[in-house]
N, C-alpha and C. Protein backbone atom coordinates (compact mmCIF):
# COMPACT_ATOMS: atom_id res chain seq x y z
N MET A 1 12.78 -6.41 -22.45
CA MET A 1 12.10 -7.43 -21.51
C MET A 1 12.58 -6.96 -19.98
N GLN A 2 11.80 -6.97 -19.16
CA GLN A 2 12.00 -6.50 -17.70
C GLN A 2 12.31 -7.73 -16.87
N SER A 3 13.29 -7.59 -15.97
CA SER A 3 13.85 -8.66 -15.22
C SER A 3 12.67 -9.01 -14.17
N ALA A 4 12.52 -10.34 -13.93
CA ALA A 4 11.67 -10.91 -12.92
C ALA A 4 11.72 -10.22 -11.48
N ALA A 5 12.96 -9.99 -11.08
CA ALA A 5 13.31 -9.32 -9.86
C ALA A 5 12.79 -7.88 -9.76
N ARG A 6 13.05 -7.18 -10.76
CA ARG A 6 12.67 -5.81 -10.92
C ARG A 6 11.08 -5.62 -10.83
N ARG A 7 10.51 -6.61 -11.70
CA ARG A 7 8.97 -6.59 -11.76
C ARG A 7 8.45 -6.97 -10.40
N ASP A 8 8.95 -7.90 -9.66
CA ASP A 8 8.47 -8.23 -8.41
C ASP A 8 8.60 -7.10 -7.36
N LEU A 9 9.74 -6.35 -7.39
CA LEU A 9 9.95 -5.24 -6.50
C LEU A 9 8.95 -4.07 -6.82
N ILE A 10 8.58 -3.89 -8.09
CA ILE A 10 7.64 -2.73 -8.38
C ILE A 10 6.21 -3.36 -7.84
N GLU A 11 6.01 -4.59 -7.99
CA GLU A 11 4.63 -4.99 -7.54
C GLU A 11 4.51 -5.12 -5.99
N ALA A 12 5.67 -5.32 -5.27
CA ALA A 12 5.69 -5.30 -3.85
C ALA A 12 5.47 -3.96 -3.40
N ALA A 13 5.95 -3.03 -4.09
CA ALA A 13 5.84 -1.61 -3.83
C ALA A 13 4.38 -1.24 -3.92
N GLY A 14 3.62 -1.65 -5.02
CA GLY A 14 2.25 -1.53 -5.32
C GLY A 14 1.42 -2.23 -4.04
N ALA A 15 1.87 -3.39 -3.74
CA ALA A 15 1.00 -4.10 -2.62
C ALA A 15 1.23 -3.52 -1.29
N LEU A 16 2.35 -2.76 -1.00
CA LEU A 16 2.61 -2.06 0.33
C LEU A 16 1.66 -0.90 0.21
N PHE A 17 1.59 -0.20 -0.77
CA PHE A 17 0.70 0.98 -0.87
C PHE A 17 -0.74 0.63 -0.71
N GLN A 18 -1.04 -0.48 -1.39
CA GLN A 18 -2.49 -1.00 -1.19
C GLN A 18 -2.73 -1.39 0.17
N THR A 19 -1.75 -1.92 0.98
CA THR A 19 -2.11 -2.27 2.28
C THR A 19 -2.35 -0.99 3.11
N LEU A 20 -1.74 0.11 2.61
CA LEU A 20 -1.84 1.41 3.41
C LEU A 20 -3.19 2.13 2.90
N ALA A 21 -3.96 1.44 2.19
CA ALA A 21 -5.27 2.12 1.66
C ALA A 21 -4.89 3.14 0.61
N LEU A 22 -3.76 3.03 -0.14
CA LEU A 22 -3.52 3.91 -1.13
C LEU A 22 -3.59 3.10 -2.53
N PRO A 23 -3.82 3.94 -3.55
CA PRO A 23 -3.83 3.16 -4.83
C PRO A 23 -2.64 2.47 -5.10
N ARG A 24 -2.91 1.09 -5.59
CA ARG A 24 -1.67 0.24 -6.01
C ARG A 24 -0.80 0.87 -6.99
N SER A 25 -1.50 1.55 -8.02
CA SER A 25 -0.64 2.14 -9.08
C SER A 25 0.35 3.16 -8.55
N ILE A 26 -0.03 3.87 -7.36
CA ILE A 26 0.92 4.82 -6.85
C ILE A 26 2.18 4.15 -6.25
N GLY A 27 2.10 3.20 -5.68
CA GLY A 27 3.15 2.24 -5.31
C GLY A 27 3.90 1.78 -6.34
N GLN A 28 3.34 1.31 -7.40
CA GLN A 28 4.02 0.68 -8.55
C GLN A 28 4.76 1.73 -9.21
N ILE A 29 4.25 3.07 -9.39
CA ILE A 29 4.98 4.19 -9.96
C ILE A 29 6.16 4.49 -9.13
N TYR A 30 5.97 4.61 -7.82
CA TYR A 30 7.15 4.95 -6.98
C TYR A 30 8.32 3.81 -7.08
N GLY A 31 7.84 2.42 -7.06
CA GLY A 31 8.75 1.38 -7.31
C GLY A 31 9.41 1.61 -8.65
N LEU A 32 8.83 1.85 -9.67
CA LEU A 32 9.38 1.84 -10.96
C LEU A 32 10.30 3.00 -10.97
N LEU A 33 10.00 4.27 -10.51
CA LEU A 33 10.89 5.42 -10.42
C LEU A 33 12.08 5.08 -9.59
N TYR A 34 11.91 4.40 -8.46
CA TYR A 34 13.07 4.09 -7.54
C TYR A 34 14.02 3.32 -8.18
N LEU A 35 13.53 2.34 -9.01
CA LEU A 35 14.41 1.32 -9.64
C LEU A 35 15.03 1.84 -11.02
N SER A 36 14.51 2.96 -11.46
CA SER A 36 15.06 3.30 -12.65
C SER A 36 16.30 4.27 -12.66
N LYS A 37 17.29 3.99 -13.51
CA LYS A 37 18.50 4.76 -13.46
C LYS A 37 18.44 6.16 -13.83
N GLY A 38 17.43 6.49 -14.76
CA GLY A 38 17.19 7.84 -15.15
C GLY A 38 15.72 8.37 -14.98
N PRO A 39 15.45 9.50 -15.29
CA PRO A 39 14.07 10.00 -15.20
C PRO A 39 13.23 9.36 -16.35
N LEU A 40 11.92 9.24 -16.01
CA LEU A 40 10.96 8.65 -16.95
C LEU A 40 9.88 9.70 -17.20
N SER A 41 9.26 9.54 -18.33
CA SER A 41 8.23 10.40 -18.60
C SER A 41 6.93 9.83 -18.36
N LEU A 42 5.80 10.56 -18.35
CA LEU A 42 4.52 9.97 -18.02
C LEU A 42 4.14 8.74 -19.08
N ASP A 43 4.45 9.00 -20.20
CA ASP A 43 4.38 8.01 -21.36
C ASP A 43 5.10 6.54 -20.86
N ASP A 44 6.36 6.96 -20.49
CA ASP A 44 7.29 5.65 -20.01
C ASP A 44 6.63 5.04 -18.95
N ILE A 45 6.19 5.81 -18.06
CA ILE A 45 5.61 5.18 -16.71
C ILE A 45 4.26 4.26 -17.13
N ALA A 46 3.41 4.87 -17.98
CA ALA A 46 2.21 4.33 -18.32
C ALA A 46 2.49 2.92 -19.00
N VAL A 47 3.39 3.14 -20.14
CA VAL A 47 3.66 1.86 -20.85
C VAL A 47 4.38 0.77 -19.98
N SER A 48 5.33 1.23 -19.12
CA SER A 48 6.02 0.24 -18.31
C SER A 48 5.09 -0.45 -17.43
N LEU A 49 3.98 0.11 -16.72
CA LEU A 49 3.18 -0.46 -15.80
C LEU A 49 1.70 -0.74 -16.33
N SER A 50 1.61 -0.55 -17.77
CA SER A 50 0.29 -0.93 -18.30
C SER A 50 -0.86 -0.22 -17.51
N ILE A 51 -0.62 1.07 -17.25
CA ILE A 51 -1.66 1.87 -16.72
C ILE A 51 -1.94 2.98 -17.76
N SER A 52 -2.99 3.78 -17.47
CA SER A 52 -3.51 4.74 -18.43
C SER A 52 -2.44 5.95 -18.01
N LYS A 53 -2.34 6.87 -18.98
CA LYS A 53 -1.60 8.17 -18.82
C LYS A 53 -2.12 8.96 -17.72
N GLY A 54 -3.38 9.00 -17.58
CA GLY A 54 -4.06 9.73 -16.45
C GLY A 54 -3.85 9.20 -14.98
N SER A 55 -3.83 7.75 -14.94
CA SER A 55 -3.37 7.15 -13.75
C SER A 55 -1.82 7.58 -13.39
N ALA A 56 -1.04 7.55 -14.52
CA ALA A 56 0.31 7.93 -14.27
C ALA A 56 0.38 9.37 -13.68
N SER A 57 -0.34 10.29 -14.25
CA SER A 57 -0.29 11.71 -14.08
C SER A 57 -0.68 11.96 -12.49
N THR A 58 -1.90 11.24 -12.26
CA THR A 58 -2.47 11.47 -10.79
C THR A 58 -1.54 10.87 -9.89
N GLY A 59 -0.87 9.71 -10.25
CA GLY A 59 0.04 9.09 -9.18
C GLY A 59 1.36 9.98 -8.99
N THR A 60 1.81 10.52 -10.09
CA THR A 60 3.12 11.27 -10.00
C THR A 60 2.71 12.50 -9.34
N ARG A 61 1.57 13.09 -9.42
CA ARG A 61 1.24 14.43 -8.69
C ARG A 61 1.19 14.10 -7.18
N GLN A 62 0.64 12.99 -6.84
CA GLN A 62 0.47 12.65 -5.44
C GLN A 62 1.88 12.32 -4.74
N LEU A 63 2.57 11.59 -5.56
CA LEU A 63 3.94 11.31 -4.96
C LEU A 63 4.91 12.60 -4.92
N ALA A 64 4.77 13.43 -5.89
CA ALA A 64 5.45 14.76 -5.88
C ALA A 64 5.09 15.61 -4.75
N GLY A 65 3.78 15.49 -4.48
CA GLY A 65 3.21 16.29 -3.29
C GLY A 65 3.83 15.81 -1.89
N TRP A 66 4.19 14.52 -1.91
CA TRP A 66 4.61 14.00 -0.70
C TRP A 66 6.28 14.27 -0.70
N GLY A 67 6.73 14.71 -1.83
CA GLY A 67 8.34 14.93 -1.88
C GLY A 67 8.99 13.50 -1.96
N ALA A 68 8.21 12.54 -2.58
CA ALA A 68 8.81 11.24 -2.84
C ALA A 68 9.43 11.10 -4.14
N ILE A 69 8.98 12.00 -5.11
CA ILE A 69 9.59 12.03 -6.41
C ILE A 69 9.62 13.48 -6.82
N ARG A 70 10.38 13.75 -7.87
CA ARG A 70 10.46 15.27 -8.33
C ARG A 70 10.47 15.23 -9.90
N GLN A 71 10.01 16.31 -10.28
CA GLN A 71 9.96 16.55 -11.70
C GLN A 71 11.26 17.04 -12.10
N VAL A 72 11.84 16.64 -13.25
CA VAL A 72 13.23 17.03 -13.76
C VAL A 72 12.98 17.32 -15.13
N TRP A 73 14.05 18.25 -15.66
CA TRP A 73 14.16 18.57 -16.92
C TRP A 73 15.11 17.80 -17.61
N VAL A 74 14.80 17.18 -18.90
CA VAL A 74 15.65 16.36 -19.62
C VAL A 74 15.99 17.23 -20.95
N PRO A 75 17.19 17.51 -21.15
CA PRO A 75 17.49 18.37 -22.28
C PRO A 75 16.95 17.82 -23.62
N GLY A 76 16.42 18.60 -24.44
CA GLY A 76 15.86 18.18 -25.73
C GLY A 76 14.50 17.59 -25.75
N GLU A 77 13.97 17.48 -24.48
CA GLU A 77 12.56 16.86 -24.23
C GLU A 77 11.71 17.92 -23.87
N ARG A 78 10.38 17.81 -24.48
CA ARG A 78 9.23 18.80 -23.83
C ARG A 78 8.44 18.27 -22.99
N ARG A 79 8.49 16.90 -22.73
CA ARG A 79 7.50 16.14 -21.75
C ARG A 79 8.06 16.26 -20.48
N ASP A 80 7.13 16.11 -19.35
CA ASP A 80 7.60 16.18 -17.99
C ASP A 80 8.34 14.76 -17.77
N HIS A 81 9.32 14.70 -17.08
CA HIS A 81 10.01 13.54 -16.59
C HIS A 81 10.18 13.65 -14.99
N PHE A 82 10.14 12.35 -14.54
CA PHE A 82 10.20 12.20 -12.97
C PHE A 82 11.20 11.20 -12.71
N GLU A 83 11.74 11.57 -11.43
CA GLU A 83 12.66 10.58 -10.83
C GLU A 83 12.35 10.54 -9.27
N ALA A 84 12.60 9.27 -8.72
CA ALA A 84 12.41 9.10 -7.33
C ALA A 84 13.37 10.00 -6.42
N VAL A 85 13.02 10.37 -5.30
CA VAL A 85 13.92 10.88 -4.21
C VAL A 85 14.53 9.69 -3.72
N GLY A 86 15.85 9.55 -3.66
CA GLY A 86 16.33 8.24 -3.09
C GLY A 86 16.15 8.14 -1.55
N ASP A 87 15.86 9.30 -0.87
CA ASP A 87 15.46 9.06 0.69
C ASP A 87 14.13 8.52 0.87
N LEU A 88 14.03 7.18 1.17
CA LEU A 88 12.80 6.62 1.52
C LEU A 88 12.09 7.18 2.66
N ALA A 89 12.92 7.68 3.64
CA ALA A 89 12.24 8.35 4.80
C ALA A 89 11.42 9.55 4.32
N GLN A 90 11.78 10.15 3.31
CA GLN A 90 11.09 11.27 2.74
C GLN A 90 9.64 10.90 2.46
N LEU A 91 9.54 9.76 1.76
CA LEU A 91 8.29 9.31 1.40
C LEU A 91 7.36 9.05 2.73
N VAL A 92 7.97 8.46 3.75
CA VAL A 92 7.23 8.27 5.00
C VAL A 92 6.85 9.58 5.56
N ARG A 93 7.77 10.56 5.64
CA ARG A 93 7.47 11.85 6.16
C ARG A 93 6.31 12.59 5.42
N GLY A 94 6.51 12.40 4.18
CA GLY A 94 5.51 13.19 3.27
C GLY A 94 4.09 12.53 3.40
N SER A 95 4.08 11.15 3.54
CA SER A 95 2.73 10.55 3.51
C SER A 95 2.15 10.73 4.91
N TYR A 96 3.02 10.94 5.95
CA TYR A 96 2.42 11.23 7.22
C TYR A 96 1.62 12.38 7.33
N GLY A 97 2.29 13.50 6.74
CA GLY A 97 1.50 14.85 6.63
C GLY A 97 0.48 14.91 5.79
N GLU A 98 0.43 14.26 4.65
CA GLU A 98 -0.58 14.31 3.67
C GLU A 98 -1.71 13.33 3.86
N PHE A 99 -1.36 12.23 4.47
CA PHE A 99 -2.27 11.01 4.49
C PHE A 99 -2.67 10.61 5.88
N ILE A 100 -1.69 10.14 6.71
CA ILE A 100 -1.99 9.72 7.95
C ILE A 100 -2.66 10.74 8.96
N LYS A 101 -1.85 11.87 9.16
CA LYS A 101 -2.45 12.77 10.11
C LYS A 101 -3.70 13.32 9.74
N PRO A 102 -4.17 13.58 8.58
CA PRO A 102 -5.72 13.96 8.34
C PRO A 102 -6.62 12.91 8.67
N ARG A 103 -6.26 11.58 8.42
CA ARG A 103 -7.06 10.42 8.68
C ARG A 103 -7.30 10.37 10.29
N LEU A 104 -6.16 10.51 10.94
CA LEU A 104 -6.27 10.39 12.44
C LEU A 104 -7.27 11.40 13.02
N ALA A 105 -7.07 12.71 12.50
CA ALA A 105 -7.96 13.80 12.96
C ALA A 105 -9.48 13.38 12.58
N SER A 106 -9.73 12.84 11.37
CA SER A 106 -11.07 12.48 10.94
C SER A 106 -11.64 11.26 11.81
N SER A 107 -10.76 10.42 12.07
CA SER A 107 -11.19 9.23 12.88
C SER A 107 -11.55 9.74 14.38
N GLN A 108 -10.82 10.68 14.92
CA GLN A 108 -11.26 11.27 16.23
C GLN A 108 -12.45 11.96 16.23
N LYS A 109 -12.79 12.65 15.23
CA LYS A 109 -14.09 13.38 15.08
C LYS A 109 -15.21 12.37 14.93
N ARG A 110 -15.00 11.33 14.20
CA ARG A 110 -16.00 10.33 13.97
C ARG A 110 -16.32 9.66 15.29
N LEU A 111 -15.24 9.27 16.11
CA LEU A 111 -15.50 8.65 17.37
C LEU A 111 -16.19 9.56 18.36
N GLN A 112 -16.03 10.77 18.34
CA GLN A 112 -16.76 11.76 19.06
C GLN A 112 -18.34 11.75 18.71
N SER A 113 -18.61 11.75 17.49
CA SER A 113 -19.78 11.70 16.90
C SER A 113 -20.68 10.47 17.31
N ILE A 114 -19.95 9.33 17.29
CA ILE A 114 -20.48 7.96 17.58
C ILE A 114 -20.93 8.00 19.12
N PHE A 115 -20.03 8.79 19.95
CA PHE A 115 -20.43 8.83 21.42
C PHE A 115 -21.73 9.60 21.53
N ALA A 116 -21.84 10.67 20.80
CA ALA A 116 -23.09 11.49 20.72
C ALA A 116 -24.30 10.67 20.49
N SER A 117 -23.98 9.79 19.31
CA SER A 117 -25.04 8.87 18.79
C SER A 117 -25.71 7.95 19.73
N LEU A 118 -24.66 7.36 20.51
CA LEU A 118 -25.10 6.48 21.64
C LEU A 118 -26.06 7.12 22.64
N GLU A 119 -25.77 8.28 22.84
CA GLU A 119 -26.59 8.91 23.89
C GLU A 119 -28.00 9.19 23.35
N VAL A 120 -28.01 9.54 22.21
CA VAL A 120 -29.43 9.77 21.40
C VAL A 120 -30.06 8.49 21.35
N ASP A 121 -29.32 7.32 21.15
CA ASP A 121 -30.02 6.08 20.83
C ASP A 121 -30.65 5.66 22.15
N VAL A 122 -30.07 5.92 23.38
CA VAL A 122 -30.43 5.61 24.55
C VAL A 122 -31.84 6.27 24.98
N GLU A 123 -31.63 7.70 24.57
CA GLU A 123 -32.94 8.51 24.73
C GLU A 123 -34.03 8.11 24.03
N LYS A 124 -33.90 7.73 22.83
CA LYS A 124 -34.91 7.28 21.90
C LYS A 124 -35.39 5.87 22.25
N GLY A 125 -34.69 5.13 23.11
CA GLY A 125 -35.01 3.76 23.55
C GLY A 125 -34.53 2.67 22.50
N VAL A 126 -33.68 3.10 21.53
CA VAL A 126 -33.28 2.19 20.50
C VAL A 126 -32.25 1.24 21.12
N LEU A 127 -31.47 1.76 22.25
CA LEU A 127 -30.54 0.97 22.91
C LEU A 127 -30.94 0.92 24.46
N SER A 128 -30.73 -0.25 25.03
CA SER A 128 -31.02 -0.36 26.44
C SER A 128 -29.81 0.22 27.24
N ARG A 129 -29.97 0.30 28.39
CA ARG A 129 -28.78 0.84 29.20
C ARG A 129 -27.66 -0.09 29.26
N LYS A 130 -27.96 -1.42 29.31
CA LYS A 130 -26.96 -2.50 29.31
C LYS A 130 -26.19 -2.42 27.88
N GLU A 131 -26.90 -2.27 26.79
CA GLU A 131 -26.25 -2.21 25.48
C GLU A 131 -25.43 -0.94 25.46
N HIS A 132 -25.97 0.15 25.87
CA HIS A 132 -25.20 1.44 25.79
C HIS A 132 -23.99 1.22 26.69
N LYS A 133 -23.90 0.65 27.77
CA LYS A 133 -22.67 0.58 28.58
C LYS A 133 -21.74 -0.28 27.95
N PHE A 134 -22.10 -1.36 27.32
CA PHE A 134 -21.22 -2.20 26.47
C PHE A 134 -20.65 -1.46 25.33
N CYS A 135 -21.44 -0.79 24.51
CA CYS A 135 -21.02 -0.11 23.32
C CYS A 135 -20.11 0.97 23.78
N ALA A 136 -20.43 1.84 24.76
CA ALA A 136 -19.49 2.81 25.45
C ALA A 136 -18.17 2.20 25.84
N GLU A 137 -18.19 1.10 26.52
CA GLU A 137 -16.80 0.64 26.99
C GLU A 137 -16.01 0.25 25.65
N ARG A 138 -16.60 -0.38 24.72
CA ARG A 138 -15.79 -0.68 23.48
C ARG A 138 -15.45 0.63 22.78
N LEU A 139 -16.13 1.61 22.71
CA LEU A 139 -15.74 2.74 22.03
C LEU A 139 -14.79 3.46 22.89
N ARG A 140 -14.77 3.63 24.17
CA ARG A 140 -13.73 4.07 24.94
C ARG A 140 -12.19 3.39 24.65
N SER A 141 -12.34 1.96 24.58
CA SER A 141 -11.29 1.25 24.23
C SER A 141 -10.69 1.72 22.88
N LEU A 142 -11.58 2.00 22.00
CA LEU A 142 -10.98 2.43 20.62
C LEU A 142 -10.38 3.79 20.79
N VAL A 143 -10.96 4.74 21.56
CA VAL A 143 -10.45 6.05 21.83
C VAL A 143 -9.07 6.01 22.40
N ARG A 144 -8.83 5.02 23.37
CA ARG A 144 -7.63 4.72 23.95
C ARG A 144 -6.52 4.40 22.88
N LEU A 145 -6.96 3.46 22.18
CA LEU A 145 -6.15 2.88 21.07
C LEU A 145 -5.66 4.05 20.13
N GLN A 146 -6.66 4.91 19.72
CA GLN A 146 -6.37 5.98 18.88
C GLN A 146 -5.41 7.00 19.46
N LYS A 147 -5.56 7.27 20.79
CA LYS A 147 -4.60 8.17 21.44
C LYS A 147 -3.16 7.65 21.53
N ARG A 148 -3.10 6.35 21.66
CA ARG A 148 -1.71 5.68 21.74
C ARG A 148 -1.12 5.94 20.35
N VAL A 149 -1.86 5.60 19.28
CA VAL A 149 -1.40 5.67 17.85
C VAL A 149 -0.96 7.21 17.57
N GLU A 150 -1.80 8.06 18.11
CA GLU A 150 -1.53 9.56 17.82
C GLU A 150 -0.15 9.96 18.48
N LYS A 151 0.19 9.35 19.50
CA LYS A 151 1.41 9.56 20.31
C LYS A 151 2.56 8.93 19.60
N ILE A 152 2.41 7.62 19.06
CA ILE A 152 3.32 6.85 18.54
C ILE A 152 3.82 7.27 17.12
N VAL A 153 2.93 7.69 16.31
CA VAL A 153 3.07 8.01 14.96
C VAL A 153 4.02 9.26 14.80
N PRO A 154 3.94 10.30 15.53
CA PRO A 154 4.95 11.41 15.40
C PRO A 154 6.17 10.97 15.91
N LEU A 155 6.32 10.09 16.76
CA LEU A 155 7.65 9.69 17.32
C LEU A 155 8.40 8.86 16.15
N ALA A 156 7.54 7.91 15.59
CA ALA A 156 8.13 7.17 14.50
C ALA A 156 8.55 7.95 13.26
N GLU A 157 7.72 9.17 13.14
CA GLU A 157 8.06 10.09 11.93
C GLU A 157 9.55 10.75 12.21
N ARG A 158 9.75 11.12 13.54
CA ARG A 158 11.05 11.62 13.73
C ARG A 158 12.23 10.74 13.73
N LEU A 159 11.83 9.47 13.95
CA LEU A 159 12.89 8.41 13.87
C LEU A 159 13.37 8.19 12.44
N VAL A 160 12.49 8.38 11.55
CA VAL A 160 12.77 8.19 10.06
C VAL A 160 13.33 9.49 9.62
């Protein structure tokens, strides 16, 4: 039987990952491994979290790619085992490079595309000049916000 506090911490990790637009199960896997004294196999993870072995495998690959967990060898075992890297900052640094940075770049391209669409809409008569001006002002505001985020995120990464 699992303690209520341990279960709540694992669920909190899942909720945090979900807030970051990542699968809840990846957060739960990290939470489970972070709170485990020893390495766990994919079967152990799947059973503990009541998820499929496929979800456990996908989640561990993602977390390993970020450097948040590592695969370890357990003497006498043929199955893969995993353990959390104790440095939570590594999780943040890894997710920045693999998750946040590409999304920021994609968002920037999308905003540029929307600006171009605004111009086309005015030329086609779909938007009036007044509507165009309003939408362009709002879009410029989003671009300014994105630029601030792009400046802040790398600074935060270095602090971690």
